[in-house]
Protein backbone atom coordinates (compact mmCIF):
# COMPACT_ATOMS: atom_id res chain seq x y z
CA MET A 1 -12.44 -1.69 -6.50
CA ARG A 2 -12.44 1.12 -8.98
CA GLU A 3 -9.16 2.93 -9.57
CA SER A 4 -11.14 6.09 -10.33
CA VAL A 5 -12.64 6.09 -6.79
CA LEU A 6 -9.16 5.70 -5.29
CA ARG A 7 -7.87 8.50 -7.53
CA ASP A 8 -10.74 10.77 -6.51
CA PHE A 9 -9.99 10.15 -2.84
CA LEU A 10 -6.26 10.76 -3.31
CA VAL A 11 -6.80 14.09 -5.07
CA GLY A 12 -9.37 15.20 -2.49
CA VAL A 13 -12.59 15.18 -4.50
CA ALA A 14 -14.12 12.09 -2.82
CA PRO A 15 -14.40 11.36 0.91
CA ALA A 16 -12.81 8.38 2.60
CA ALA A 17 -16.33 6.93 3.02
CA ALA A 18 -16.60 6.54 -0.77
CA LEU A 19 -13.27 4.71 -0.88
CA LYS A 20 -14.24 2.52 2.10
CA LYS A 21 -17.51 1.58 0.38
CA ASP A 22 -15.68 0.78 -2.86
CA LEU A 23 -13.28 -1.57 -1.03
CA ALA A 24 -16.14 -3.85 0.05
CA GLY A 25 -15.83 -7.12 -1.85
CA ALA A 26 -12.73 -6.05 -3.76
CA VAL A 27 -10.62 -8.91 -2.39
CA VAL A 28 -12.06 -12.43 -2.47
CA GLN A 29 -10.44 -15.67 -1.34
CA THR A 30 -10.80 -17.84 -4.43
CA SER A 31 -8.98 -20.93 -3.10
CA SER A 32 -7.08 -21.97 0.00
CA ASP A 33 -4.03 -19.85 -0.78
CA VAL A 34 -5.22 -17.44 -3.48
CA PHE A 35 -6.81 -14.06 -2.93
CA THR A 36 -8.14 -12.31 -6.00
CA GLN A 37 -8.41 -8.54 -6.05
CA TYR A 38 -10.92 -7.19 -8.52
CA VAL A 39 -9.93 -3.84 -10.00
CA ASP A 40 -11.76 -1.68 -12.51
CA PRO A 41 -8.95 0.33 -14.15
CA MET A 42 -9.30 4.00 -14.94
CA LYS A 43 -8.47 5.43 -18.34
CA GLU A 44 -6.18 8.28 -17.31
CA GLU A 45 -3.00 8.23 -15.24
CA LEU A 46 -2.23 9.74 -11.86
CA LEU A 47 1.22 10.58 -10.61
CA ILE A 48 1.32 9.35 -6.99
CA THR A 49 2.90 11.84 -4.59
CA ARG A 50 3.84 11.79 -0.95
CA ASP A 51 0.77 13.92 -0.20
CA HIS A 52 -1.46 11.18 -1.63
CA VAL A 53 0.05 8.55 0.66
CA LEU A 54 -0.11 10.94 3.62
CA ARG A 55 -3.81 11.41 2.87
CA LEU A 56 -4.25 7.63 3.26
CA CYS A 57 -2.38 7.74 6.58
CA ASP A 58 -4.61 10.58 7.79
CA ALA A 59 -7.76 8.67 6.82
CA VAL A 60 -6.64 5.76 9.02
CA LEU A 61 -5.60 8.03 11.86
CA ASP A 62 -8.94 9.85 11.87
CA GLY A 63 -10.85 6.55 11.75
CA SER A 64 -12.30 6.95 8.23
CA LEU A 65 -10.40 3.88 6.99
CA ALA A 66 -9.19 0.81 8.87
CA ALA A 67 -5.45 0.19 8.87
CA GLU A 68 -6.12 -3.15 7.12
CA ASP A 69 -7.70 -1.24 4.21
CA LEU A 70 -4.22 -0.05 3.23
CA GLU A 71 -3.22 -3.52 1.99
CA PRO A 72 -5.62 -3.72 -1.00
CA ILE A 73 -5.18 0.01 -1.67
CA ALA A 74 -1.40 -0.36 -1.85
CA PHE A 75 -1.69 -3.43 -4.06
CA CYS A 76 -3.99 -1.53 -6.42
CA ILE A 77 -1.54 1.37 -6.70
CA ILE A 78 1.50 -0.86 -7.18
CA ALA A 79 -0.15 -3.25 -9.65
CA SER A 80 -1.87 -0.61 -11.76
CA ASP A 81 -0.62 0.68 -15.07
CA HIS A 82 -2.42 3.95 -14.36
CA PHE A 83 -0.74 5.03 -11.15
CA ARG A 84 2.76 6.34 -11.82
CA PHE A 85 5.71 7.44 -9.71
CA GLU A 86 8.22 10.21 -10.38
CA ASP A 87 11.68 8.72 -10.55
CA GLU A 88 13.33 11.93 -9.37
CA ALA A 89 10.94 12.94 -6.58
CA PRO A 90 12.94 13.50 -3.38
CA TYR A 91 10.60 11.34 -1.29
CA ASN A 92 9.96 8.64 -3.87
CA GLU A 93 11.90 5.89 -2.10
CA ARG A 94 10.04 6.47 1.17
CA LEU A 95 6.74 6.50 -0.69
CA LEU A 96 7.49 3.22 -2.48
CA ASP A 97 8.82 1.59 0.68
CA THR A 98 5.60 2.53 2.46
CA LEU A 99 3.35 1.18 -0.29
CA HIS A 100 5.30 -2.09 -0.48
CA ASP A 101 5.18 -2.45 3.32
CA TRP A 102 1.41 -1.94 3.25
CA ASP A 103 0.99 -4.39 0.37
CA SER A 104 2.67 -7.20 2.33
CA PRO A 105 1.94 -6.85 6.04
CA GLY A 106 2.34 -10.60 6.45
CA ILE A 107 6.10 -10.23 5.97
CA ASN A 108 6.55 -6.59 6.96
CA TYR A 109 4.96 -4.43 9.60
CA VAL A 110 1.56 -5.17 11.11
CA LEU A 111 -1.02 -2.66 9.90
CA THR A 112 -2.37 -0.89 12.99
CA ARG A 113 -3.13 2.68 13.90
CA ALA A 114 0.21 2.83 15.77
CA THR A 115 2.25 1.63 12.79
CA VAL A 116 0.37 3.99 10.45
CA GLU A 117 1.54 6.84 12.72
CA LYS A 118 5.10 5.55 12.23
CA PHE A 119 4.63 5.26 8.45
CA LYS A 120 3.42 8.86 8.38
CA SER A 121 6.41 10.00 10.42
CA ARG A 122 8.82 8.13 8.12
CA LEU A 123 7.19 9.72 5.06
CA LEU A 124 7.56 13.19 6.57
CA THR A 125 11.00 12.95 8.17
CA GLY A 126 12.81 9.98 6.68
CA GLU A 127 13.37 8.67 10.20
CA SER A 128 12.16 5.17 11.02
CA THR A 129 10.77 4.60 14.49
CA PHE A 130 9.74 1.00 13.85
CA THR A 131 10.79 -1.63 16.33
CA ARG A 132 10.83 -5.42 16.36
CA GLN A 133 7.41 -5.33 18.00
CA ASP A 134 5.97 -3.71 14.84
CA ILE A 135 6.90 -6.68 12.65
CA THR A 136 4.21 -9.25 12.02
CA PRO A 137 4.85 -12.03 14.56
CA PRO A 138 5.67 -15.47 13.12
CA GLU A 139 2.41 -16.99 14.33
CA ARG A 140 0.41 -14.39 12.34
CA ARG A 141 2.37 -14.76 9.11
CA THR A 142 0.81 -16.62 6.27
CA ALA A 143 2.87 -19.44 4.84
CA ARG A 144 1.93 -18.54 1.30
CA ARG A 145 -0.04 -15.69 -0.18
CA LEU A 146 -0.79 -15.56 -3.86
CA VAL A 147 -2.64 -12.61 -5.29
CA GLU A 148 -4.25 -12.24 -8.67
CA LEU A 149 -5.33 -8.96 -10.17
CA LYS A 150 -8.54 -9.26 -12.16
CA GLN A 151 -9.51 -6.40 -14.42
CA GLU A 152 -12.48 -5.80 -16.66
CA PRO A 153 -13.22 -8.64 -19.09
CA ASN A 154 -11.01 -8.72 -22.22
CA GLN A 155 -8.19 -6.82 -20.50
CA PRO A 156 -4.99 -8.68 -19.66
CA SER A 157 -3.90 -8.68 -16.03
CA GLN A 158 -0.76 -6.65 -15.53
CA ARG A 159 1.45 -5.91 -12.59
CA ASN A 160 3.49 -2.73 -12.37
CA ALA A 161 5.91 -3.41 -9.53
CA GLY A 162 6.74 0.27 -9.00
CA SER A 163 10.46 0.56 -9.48
CA ARG A 164 12.50 1.76 -6.56
CA PRO A 165 15.08 4.19 -7.89
CA PRO A 166 18.28 4.52 -5.86
CA SER A 167 18.01 7.34 -3.36
CA ASP A 168 19.94 8.74 -0.45
CA ASP A 169 16.96 10.56 1.06
CA SER A 170 16.38 8.12 3.89
CA PRO A 171 18.81 7.02 6.57
CA ALA A 172 19.42 3.41 7.46
CA SER A 173 16.55 2.20 9.55
CA GLU A 174 15.21 -0.90 11.18
CA THR A 175 13.35 -2.61 8.39
CA PRO A 176 12.01 -6.12 8.64
CA SER A 177 14.92 -7.48 6.62
CA SER A 178 17.50 -5.77 8.81
CA LEU A 179 15.95 -6.99 12.03
CA GLY A 180 16.91 -10.58 11.59
CA PRO A 181 15.32 -13.81 10.44
CA ARG A 182 11.58 -13.96 10.03
CA GLY A 183 11.08 -17.56 11.03
């Protein structure tokens, strides 16, 4: 997966088909509990905005991307040193919550067209319409998921967790952690 292809899609200069093609083979199961995501980093930085994440939602809703494609995309954005987030952006907390939910559907919400509609709504309004039925059921959760980020040779792997600055822009909502034990 090339960060530059993701960037070009997010800013509107590449179609979703280019991003979909670039995702092929980006995540490989390298052992029983390890998935390795191969990422070719870009040189410049991109400030991720709500509009970028909404563009990903729209690509799923129009059928250009599969909902499951959001997981490696979110991981790439979160783990990259080249995608940045504005600490003071009014929607930053919703944006980061969405990306982290997409990055870990095994412990958060199932990635489906229906939940992507709810993610989009939450990004736009701050209101969560998720229910218990949207949480990944216990029988579909993976016991352990390790992920490695592999970059070009001679570059150290790095993980930028995407800090979540405190914000009052979103009301209390039903999140997986507030809905009770996960089993």
